[in-house]
Amino acid sequence: MEKLDDRNDMPYEQAMAELESVVNLLESGDLTLDESIKMFERGVSLVRLCNKKLDDIEKRITLIIEGKDSETEKDFDPEGL
């Protein structure tokens, strides 16, 4: 299995799909204890990657909304677009 550090360019959607797969495997109860621990570690890494990607996207949205010269941060409002 590839380490997550080697795949930081993985798209968010792919990371979420793999995370769902990991959760399903863990919930099945068919893994050995050692396999479960490895899957759990993989899941934690995927959660961290997804959270980082979401944080990065939030920062980009904030910059877009603020504009180049604005000093105040505005909350994202999908109704205001």
PDB file of N, CA and C in Angstrom:
ATOM      1  N   MET A   1       0.845  -1.182   0.000  1.00  0.00           N
ATOM      2  CA  MET A   1       0.000   0.000   0.000  1.00  0.00           C
ATOM      3  C   MET A   1       0.884   1.236   0.000  1.00  0.00           C
ATOM      4  N   GLU A   2       0.584   2.230  -0.847  1.00  0.00           N
ATOM      5  CA  GLU A   2       1.382   3.443  -0.929  1.00  0.00           C
ATOM      6  C   GLU A   2       1.172   4.278   0.324  1.00  0.00           C
ATOM      7  N   LYS A   3       2.226   4.970   0.736  1.00  0.00           N
ATOM      8  CA  LYS A   3       2.092   5.893   1.849  1.00  0.00           C
ATOM      9  C   LYS A   3       1.375   7.135   1.362  1.00  0.00           C
ATOM     10  N   LEU A   4       0.612   7.730   2.241  1.00  0.00           N
ATOM     11  CA  LEU A   4      -0.148   8.919   1.880  1.00  0.00           C
ATOM     12  C   LEU A   4       0.772  10.066   1.506  1.00  0.00           C
ATOM     13  N   ASP A   5       1.943  10.163   2.145  1.00  0.00           N
ATOM     14  CA  ASP A   5       2.880  11.232   1.829  1.00  0.00           C
ATOM     15  C   ASP A   5       3.286  11.196   0.359  1.00  0.00           C
ATOM     16  N   ASP A   6       3.279  10.015  -0.248  1.00  0.00           N
ATOM     17  CA  ASP A   6       3.641   9.864  -1.646  1.00  0.00           C
ATOM     18  C   ASP A   6       2.497  10.267  -2.576  1.00  0.00           C
ATOM     19  N   ARG A   7       1.312  10.507  -2.023  1.00  0.00           N
ATOM     20  CA  ARG A   7       0.138  10.763  -2.860  1.00  0.00           C
ATOM     21  C   ARG A   7      -0.617  12.008  -2.421  1.00  0.00           C
ATOM     22  N   ASN A   8       0.083  13.033  -1.974  1.00  0.00           N
ATOM     23  CA  ASN A   8      -0.577  14.260  -1.526  1.00  0.00           C
ATOM     24  C   ASN A   8      -1.341  14.954  -2.637  1.00  0.00           C
ATOM     25  N   ASP A   9      -1.073  14.570  -3.882  1.00  0.00           N
ATOM     26  CA  ASP A   9      -1.786  15.176  -4.988  1.00  0.00           C
ATOM     27  C   ASP A   9      -3.086  14.428  -5.300  1.00  0.00           C
ATOM     28  N   MET A  10      -3.434  13.459  -4.453  1.00  0.00           N
ATOM     29  CA  MET A  10      -4.674  12.714  -4.645  1.00  0.00           C
ATOM     30  C   MET A  10      -5.856  13.679  -4.556  1.00  0.00           C
ATOM     31  N   PRO A  11      -6.764  13.624  -5.514  1.00  0.00           N
ATOM     32  CA  PRO A  11      -7.945  14.496  -5.458  1.00  0.00           C
ATOM     33  C   PRO A  11      -8.796  14.187  -4.220  1.00  0.00           C
ATOM     34  N   TYR A  12      -9.471  15.209  -3.744  1.00  0.00           N
ATOM     35  CA  TYR A  12     -10.329  15.076  -2.561  1.00  0.00           C
ATOM     36  C   TYR A  12     -11.337  13.942  -2.726  1.00  0.00           C
ATOM     37  N   GLU A  13     -11.969  13.890  -3.886  1.00  0.00           N
ATOM     38  CA  GLU A  13     -13.006  12.877  -4.111  1.00  0.00           C
ATOM     39  C   GLU A  13     -12.427  11.463  -4.038  1.00  0.00           C
ATOM     40  N   GLN A  14     -11.227  11.293  -4.556  1.00  0.00           N
ATOM     41  CA  GLN A  14     -10.586   9.975  -4.500  1.00  0.00           C
ATOM     42  C   GLN A  14     -10.230   9.607  -3.059  1.00  0.00           C
ATOM     43  N   ALA A  15      -9.740  10.569  -2.310  1.00  0.00           N
ATOM     44  CA  ALA A  15      -9.398  10.325  -0.905  1.00  0.00           C
ATOM     45  C   ALA A  15     -10.649   9.956  -0.107  1.00  0.00           C
ATOM     46  N   MET A  16     -11.750  10.638  -0.363  1.00  0.00           N
ATOM     47  CA  MET A  16     -13.002  10.329   0.341  1.00  0.00           C
ATOM     48  C   MET A  16     -13.502   8.932  -0.027  1.00  0.00           C
ATOM     49  N   ALA A  17     -13.404   8.568  -1.301  1.00  0.00           N
ATOM     50  CA  ALA A  17     -13.846   7.237  -1.728  1.00  0.00           C
ATOM     51  C   ALA A  17     -12.991   6.159  -1.065  1.00  0.00           C
ATOM     52  N   GLU A  18     -11.689   6.394  -0.983  1.00  0.00           N
ATOM     53  CA  GLU A  18     -10.822   5.417  -0.323  1.00  0.00           C
ATOM     54  C   GLU A  18     -11.116   5.357   1.167  1.00  0.00           C
ATOM     55  N   LEU A  19     -11.398   6.502   1.768  1.00  0.00           N
ATOM     56  CA  LEU A  19     -11.751   6.524   3.192  1.00  0.00           C
ATOM     57  C   LEU A  19     -13.029   5.729   3.450  1.00  0.00           C
ATOM     58  N   GLU A  20     -14.011   5.879   2.592  1.00  0.00           N
ATOM     59  CA  GLU A  20     -15.249   5.097   2.724  1.00  0.00           C
ATOM     60  C   GLU A  20     -14.958   3.605   2.625  1.00  0.00           C
ATOM     61  N   SER A  21     -14.065   3.238   1.732  1.00  0.00           N
ATOM     62  CA  SER A  21     -13.679   1.847   1.569  1.00  0.00           C
ATOM     63  C   SER A  21     -12.992   1.321   2.834  1.00  0.00           C
ATOM     64  N   VAL A  22     -12.114   2.129   3.404  1.00  0.00           N
ATOM     65  CA  VAL A  22     -11.425   1.746   4.639  1.00  0.00           C
ATOM     66  C   VAL A  22     -12.437   1.549   5.774  1.00  0.00           C
ATOM     67  N   VAL A  23     -13.373   2.467   5.888  1.00  0.00           N
ATOM     68  CA  VAL A  23     -14.398   2.366   6.941  1.00  0.00           C
ATOM     69  C   VAL A  23     -15.218   1.089   6.754  1.00  0.00           C
ATOM     70  N   ASN A  24     -15.610   0.804   5.520  1.00  0.00           N
ATOM     71  CA  ASN A  24     -16.381  -0.411   5.254  1.00  0.00           C
ATOM     72  C   ASN A  24     -15.606  -1.670   5.628  1.00  0.00           C
ATOM     73  N   LEU A  25     -14.320  -1.692   5.312  1.00  0.00           N
ATOM     74  CA  LEU A  25     -13.487  -2.842   5.679  1.00  0.00           C
ATOM     75  C   LEU A  25     -13.406  -2.997   7.191  1.00  0.00           C
ATOM     76  N   LEU A  26     -13.209  -1.879   7.880  1.00  0.00           N
ATOM     77  CA  LEU A  26     -13.123  -1.946   9.343  1.00  0.00           C
ATOM     78  C   LEU A  26     -14.448  -2.386   9.960  1.00  0.00           C
ATOM     79  N   GLU A  27     -15.546  -1.903   9.421  1.00  0.00           N
ATOM     80  CA  GLU A  27     -16.857  -2.262   9.952  1.00  0.00           C
ATOM     81  C   GLU A  27     -17.234  -3.710   9.664  1.00  0.00           C
ATOM     82  N   SER A  28     -16.639  -4.299   8.631  1.00  0.00           N
ATOM     83  CA  SER A  28     -16.988  -5.671   8.264  1.00  0.00           C
ATOM     84  C   SER A  28     -16.551  -6.669   9.327  1.00  0.00           C
ATOM     85  N   GLY A  29     -15.477  -6.351  10.042  1.00  0.00           N
ATOM     86  CA  GLY A  29     -14.989  -7.258  11.068  1.00  0.00           C
ATOM     87  C   GLY A  29     -14.223  -8.446  10.513  1.00  0.00           C
ATOM     88  N   ASP A  30     -13.913  -8.428   9.233  1.00  0.00           N
ATOM     89  CA  ASP A  30     -13.231  -9.548   8.592  1.00  0.00           C
ATOM     90  C   ASP A  30     -11.705  -9.442   8.628  1.00  0.00           C
ATOM     91  N   LEU A  31     -11.183  -8.347   9.155  1.00  0.00           N
ATOM     92  CA  LEU A  31      -9.742  -8.139   9.176  1.00  0.00           C
ATOM     93  C   LEU A  31      -9.126  -8.670  10.468  1.00  0.00           C
ATOM     94  N   THR A  32      -7.871  -9.044  10.377  1.00  0.00           N
ATOM     95  CA  THR A  32      -7.147  -9.412  11.591  1.00  0.00           C
ATOM     96  C   THR A  32      -6.870  -8.133  12.380  1.00  0.00           C
ATOM     97  N   LEU A  33      -6.413  -8.287  13.605  1.00  0.00           N
ATOM     98  CA  LEU A  33      -6.107  -7.121  14.420  1.00  0.00           C
ATOM     99  C   LEU A  33      -5.021  -6.275  13.762  1.00  0.00           C
ATOM    100  N   ASP A  34      -3.991  -6.921  13.254  1.00  0.00           N
ATOM    101  CA  ASP A  34      -2.899  -6.198  12.599  1.00  0.00           C
ATOM    102  C   ASP A  34      -3.400  -5.464  11.350  1.00  0.00           C
ATOM    103  N   GLU A  35      -4.214  -6.112  10.554  1.00  0.00           N
ATOM    104  CA  GLU A  35      -4.783  -5.482   9.362  1.00  0.00           C
ATOM    105  C   GLU A  35      -5.696  -4.314   9.747  1.00  0.00           C
ATOM    106  N   SER A  36      -6.449  -4.499  10.826  1.00  0.00           N
ATOM    107  CA  SER A  36      -7.342  -3.431  11.293  1.00  0.00           C
ATOM    108  C   SER A  36      -6.555  -2.199  11.710  1.00  0.00           C
ATOM    109  N   ILE A  37      -5.447  -2.408  12.413  1.00  0.00           N
ATOM    110  CA  ILE A  37      -4.618  -1.280  12.840  1.00  0.00           C
ATOM    111  C   ILE A  37      -4.055  -0.551  11.618  1.00  0.00           C
ATOM    112  N   LYS A  38      -3.582  -1.300  10.629  1.00  0.00           N
ATOM    113  CA  LYS A  38      -3.046  -0.681   9.408  1.00  0.00           C
ATOM    114  C   LYS A  38      -4.139   0.107   8.670  1.00  0.00           C
ATOM    115  N   MET A  39      -5.335  -0.462   8.608  1.00  0.00           N
ATOM    116  CA  MET A  39      -6.438   0.231   7.943  1.00  0.00           C
ATOM    117  C   MET A  39      -6.836   1.478   8.725  1.00  0.00           C
ATOM    118  N   PHE A  40      -6.822   1.382  10.041  1.00  0.00           N
ATOM    119  CA  PHE A  40      -7.149   2.532  10.876  1.00  0.00           C
ATOM    120  C   PHE A  40      -6.138   3.653  10.635  1.00  0.00           C
ATOM    121  N   GLU A  41      -4.845   3.301  10.594  1.00  0.00           N
ATOM    122  CA  GLU A  41      -3.810   4.297  10.321  1.00  0.00           C
ATOM    123  C   GLU A  41      -4.025   4.940   8.957  1.00  0.00           C
ATOM    124  N   ARG A  42      -4.367   4.130   7.979  1.00  0.00           N
ATOM    125  CA  ARG A  42      -4.633   4.645   6.636  1.00  0.00           C
ATOM    126  C   ARG A  42      -5.824   5.604   6.671  1.00  0.00           C
ATOM    127  N   GLY A  43      -6.862   5.219   7.403  1.00  0.00           N
ATOM    128  CA  GLY A  43      -8.040   6.073   7.520  1.00  0.00           C
ATOM    129  C   GLY A  43      -7.718   7.412   8.154  1.00  0.00           C
ATOM    130  N   VAL A  44      -6.915   7.401   9.208  1.00  0.00           N
ATOM    131  CA  VAL A  44      -6.529   8.650   9.867  1.00  0.00           C
ATOM    132  C   VAL A  44      -5.747   9.530   8.897  1.00  0.00           C
ATOM    133  N   SER A  45      -4.843   8.927   8.126  1.00  0.00           N
ATOM    134  CA  SER A  45      -4.075   9.691   7.139  1.00  0.00           C
ATOM    135  C   SER A  45      -4.994  10.304   6.082  1.00  0.00           C
ATOM    136  N   LEU A  46      -5.978   9.546   5.653  1.00  0.00           N
ATOM    137  CA  LEU A  46      -6.918  10.057   4.651  1.00  0.00           C
ATOM    138  C   LEU A  46      -7.770  11.191   5.215  1.00  0.00           C
ATOM    139  N   VAL A  47      -8.189  11.068   6.463  1.00  0.00           N
ATOM    140  CA  VAL A  47      -8.967  12.137   7.097  1.00  0.00           C
ATOM    141  C   VAL A  47      -8.135  13.411   7.161  1.00  0.00           C
ATOM    142  N   ARG A  48      -6.871  13.261   7.541  1.00  0.00           N
ATOM    143  CA  ARG A  48      -5.991  14.436   7.609  1.00  0.00           C
ATOM    144  C   ARG A  48      -5.815  15.073   6.231  1.00  0.00           C
ATOM    145  N   LEU A  49      -5.648  14.256   5.211  1.00  0.00           N
ATOM    146  CA  LEU A  49      -5.510  14.777   3.856  1.00  0.00           C
ATOM    147  C   LEU A  49      -6.774  15.517   3.431  1.00  0.00           C
ATOM    148  N   CYS A  50      -7.931  14.921   3.679  1.00  0.00           N
ATOM    149  CA  CYS A  50      -9.196  15.562   3.310  1.00  0.00           C
ATOM    150  C   CYS A  50      -9.380  16.883   4.057  1.00  0.00           C
ATOM    151  N   ASN A  51      -9.065  16.897   5.349  1.00  0.00           N
ATOM    152  CA  ASN A  51      -9.184  18.130   6.123  1.00  0.00           C
ATOM    153  C   ASN A  51      -8.245  19.214   5.598  1.00  0.00           C
ATOM    154  N   LYS A  52      -7.034  18.836   5.225  1.00  0.00           N
ATOM    155  CA  LYS A  52      -6.085  19.799   4.675  1.00  0.00           C
ATOM    156  C   LYS A  52      -6.598  20.364   3.364  1.00  0.00           C
ATOM    157  N   LYS A  53      -7.124  19.500   2.512  1.00  0.00           N
ATOM    158  CA  LYS A  53      -7.654  19.969   1.233  1.00  0.00           C
ATOM    159  C   LYS A  53      -8.832  20.912   1.442  1.00  0.00           C
ATOM    160  N   LEU A  54      -9.720  20.582   2.392  1.00  0.00           N
ATOM    161  CA  LEU A  54     -10.859  21.460   2.676  1.00  0.00           C
ATOM    162  C   LEU A  54     -10.398  22.796   3.245  1.00  0.00           C
ATOM    163  N   ASP A  55      -9.388  22.779   4.125  1.00  0.00           N
ATOM    164  CA  ASP A  55      -8.839  24.027   4.663  1.00  0.00           C
ATOM    165  C   ASP A  55      -8.257  24.887   3.552  1.00  0.00           C
ATOM    166  N   ASP A  56      -7.526  24.250   2.634  1.00  0.00           N
ATOM    167  CA  ASP A  56      -6.941  24.980   1.513  1.00  0.00           C
ATOM    168  C   ASP A  56      -8.023  25.605   0.635  1.00  0.00           C
ATOM    169  N   ILE A  57      -9.078  24.868   0.402  1.00  0.00           N
ATOM    170  CA  ILE A  57     -10.180  25.385  -0.415  1.00  0.00           C
ATOM    171  C   ILE A  57     -10.854  26.554   0.291  1.00  0.00           C
ATOM    172  N   GLU A  58     -11.039  26.436   1.602  1.00  0.00           N
ATOM    173  CA  GLU A  58     -11.651  27.525   2.368  1.00  0.00           C
ATOM    174  C   GLU A  58     -10.802  28.795   2.272  1.00  0.00           C
ATOM    175  N   LYS A  59      -9.484  28.645   2.346  1.00  0.00           N
ATOM    176  CA  LYS A  59      -8.587  29.795   2.219  1.00  0.00           C
ATOM    177  C   LYS A  59      -8.700  30.429   0.837  1.00  0.00           C
ATOM    178  N   ARG A  60      -8.786  29.590  -0.190  1.00  0.00           N
ATOM    179  CA  ARG A  60      -8.928  30.119  -1.547  1.00  0.00           C
ATOM    180  C   ARG A  60     -10.229  30.897  -1.706  1.00  0.00           C
ATOM    181  N   ILE A  61     -11.312  30.342  -1.156  1.00  0.00           N
ATOM    182  CA  ILE A  61     -12.615  31.018  -1.238  1.00  0.00           C
ATOM    183  C   ILE A  61     -12.549  32.351  -0.516  1.00  0.00           C
ATOM    184  N   THR A  62     -11.924  32.374   0.646  1.00  0.00           N
ATOM    185  CA  THR A  62     -11.786  33.614   1.404  1.00  0.00           C
ATOM    186  C   THR A  62     -11.023  34.655   0.599  1.00  0.00           C
ATOM    187  N   LEU A  63      -9.937  34.232  -0.049  1.00  0.00           N
ATOM    188  CA  LEU A  63      -9.163  35.167  -0.859  1.00  0.00           C
ATOM    189  C   LEU A  63      -9.967  35.689  -2.039  1.00  0.00           C
ATOM    190  N   ILE A  64     -10.735  34.823  -2.649  1.00  0.00           N
ATOM    191  CA  ILE A  64     -11.555  35.245  -3.796  1.00  0.00           C
ATOM    192  C   ILE A  64     -12.597  36.257  -3.359  1.00  0.00           C
ATOM    193  N   ILE A  65     -13.248  35.988  -2.222  1.00  0.00           N
ATOM    194  CA  ILE A  65     -14.307  36.880  -1.732  1.00  0.00           C
ATOM    195  C   ILE A  65     -13.716  38.204  -1.267  1.00  0.00           C
ATOM    196  N   GLU A  66     -12.567  38.148  -0.583  1.00  0.00           N
ATOM    197  CA  GLU A  66     -11.941  39.367  -0.077  1.00  0.00           C
ATOM    198  C   GLU A  66     -11.500  40.277  -1.203  1.00  0.00           C
ATOM    199  N   GLY A  67     -11.046  39.695  -2.258  1.00  0.00           N
ATOM    200  CA  GLY A  67     -10.485  40.498  -3.333  1.00  0.00           C
ATOM    201  C   GLY A  67      -9.040  40.838  -3.018  1.00  0.00           C
ATOM    202  N   LYS A  68      -8.419  41.494  -3.925  1.00  0.00           N
ATOM    203  CA  LYS A  68      -6.988  41.768  -3.825  1.00  0.00           C
ATOM    204  C   LYS A  68      -6.652  42.789  -2.744  1.00  0.00           C
ATOM    205  N   ASP A  69      -7.471  43.786  -2.546  1.00  0.00           N
ATOM    206  CA  ASP A  69      -7.139  44.897  -1.657  1.00  0.00           C
ATOM    207  C   ASP A  69      -7.913  44.904  -0.344  1.00  0.00           C
ATOM    208  N   SER A  70      -8.847  44.009  -0.151  1.00  0.00           N
ATOM    209  CA  SER A  70      -9.697  44.026   1.037  1.00  0.00           C
ATOM    210  C   SER A  70      -8.949  43.500   2.257  1.00  0.00           C
ATOM    211  N   GLU A  71      -9.261  44.045   3.413  1.00  0.00           N
ATOM    212  CA  GLU A  71      -8.620  43.647   4.659  1.00  0.00           C
ATOM    213  C   GLU A  71      -9.521  42.778   5.533  1.00  0.00           C
ATOM    214  N   THR A  72     -10.812  42.772   5.300  1.00  0.00           N
ATOM    215  CA  THR A  72     -11.727  42.034   6.173  1.00  0.00           C
ATOM    216  C   THR A  72     -12.093  40.697   5.557  1.00  0.00           C
ATOM    217  N   GLU A  73     -12.210  39.717   6.428  1.00  0.00           N
ATOM    218  CA  GLU A  73     -12.598  38.376   5.986  1.00  0.00           C
ATOM    219  C   GLU A  73     -14.114  38.271   6.064  1.00  0.00           C
ATOM    220  N   LYS A  74     -14.688  37.648   5.056  1.00  0.00           N
ATOM    221  CA  LYS A  74     -16.144  37.443   5.022  1.00  0.00           C
ATOM    222  C   LYS A  74     -16.413  35.951   5.055  1.00  0.00           C
ATOM    223  N   ASP A  75     -17.457  35.562   5.758  1.00  0.00           N
ATOM    224  CA  ASP A  75     -17.858  34.154   5.759  1.00  0.00           C
ATOM    225  C   ASP A  75     -18.420  33.794   4.397  1.00  0.00           C
ATOM    226  N   PHE A  76     -18.199  32.547   3.999  1.00  0.00           N
ATOM    227  CA  PHE A  76     -18.722  32.063   2.748  1.00  0.00           C
ATOM    228  C   PHE A  76     -20.234  31.972   2.841  1.00  0.00           C
ATOM    229  N   ASP A  77     -20.914  32.594   1.909  1.00  0.00           N
ATOM    230  CA  ASP A  77     -22.376  32.584   1.857  1.00  0.00           C
ATOM    231  C   ASP A  77     -22.799  32.176   0.465  1.00  0.00           C
ATOM    232  N   PRO A  78     -23.258  30.907   0.292  1.00  0.00           N
ATOM    233  CA  PRO A  78     -23.625  30.466  -1.051  1.00  0.00           C
ATOM    234  C   PRO A  78     -24.790  31.240  -1.633  1.00  0.00           C
ATOM    235  N   GLU A  79     -25.618  31.860  -0.802  1.00  0.00           N
ATOM    236  CA  GLU A  79     -26.749  32.635  -1.289  1.00  0.00           C
ATOM    237  C   GLU A  79     -26.306  33.974  -1.858  1.00  0.00           C
ATOM    238  N   GLY A  80     -25.134  34.422  -1.438  1.00  0.00           N
ATOM    239  CA  GLY A  80     -24.650  35.730  -1.871  1.00  0.00           C
ATOM    240  C   GLY A  80     -23.901  35.709  -3.184  1.00  0.00           C
ATOM    241  N   LEU A  81     -23.785  34.554  -3.799  1.00  0.00           N
ATOM    242  CA  LEU A  81     -23.043  34.469  -5.060  1.00  0.00           C
ATOM    243  C   LEU A  81     -23.881  34.829  -6.245  1.00  0.00           C
TER     244      LEU A  81
END
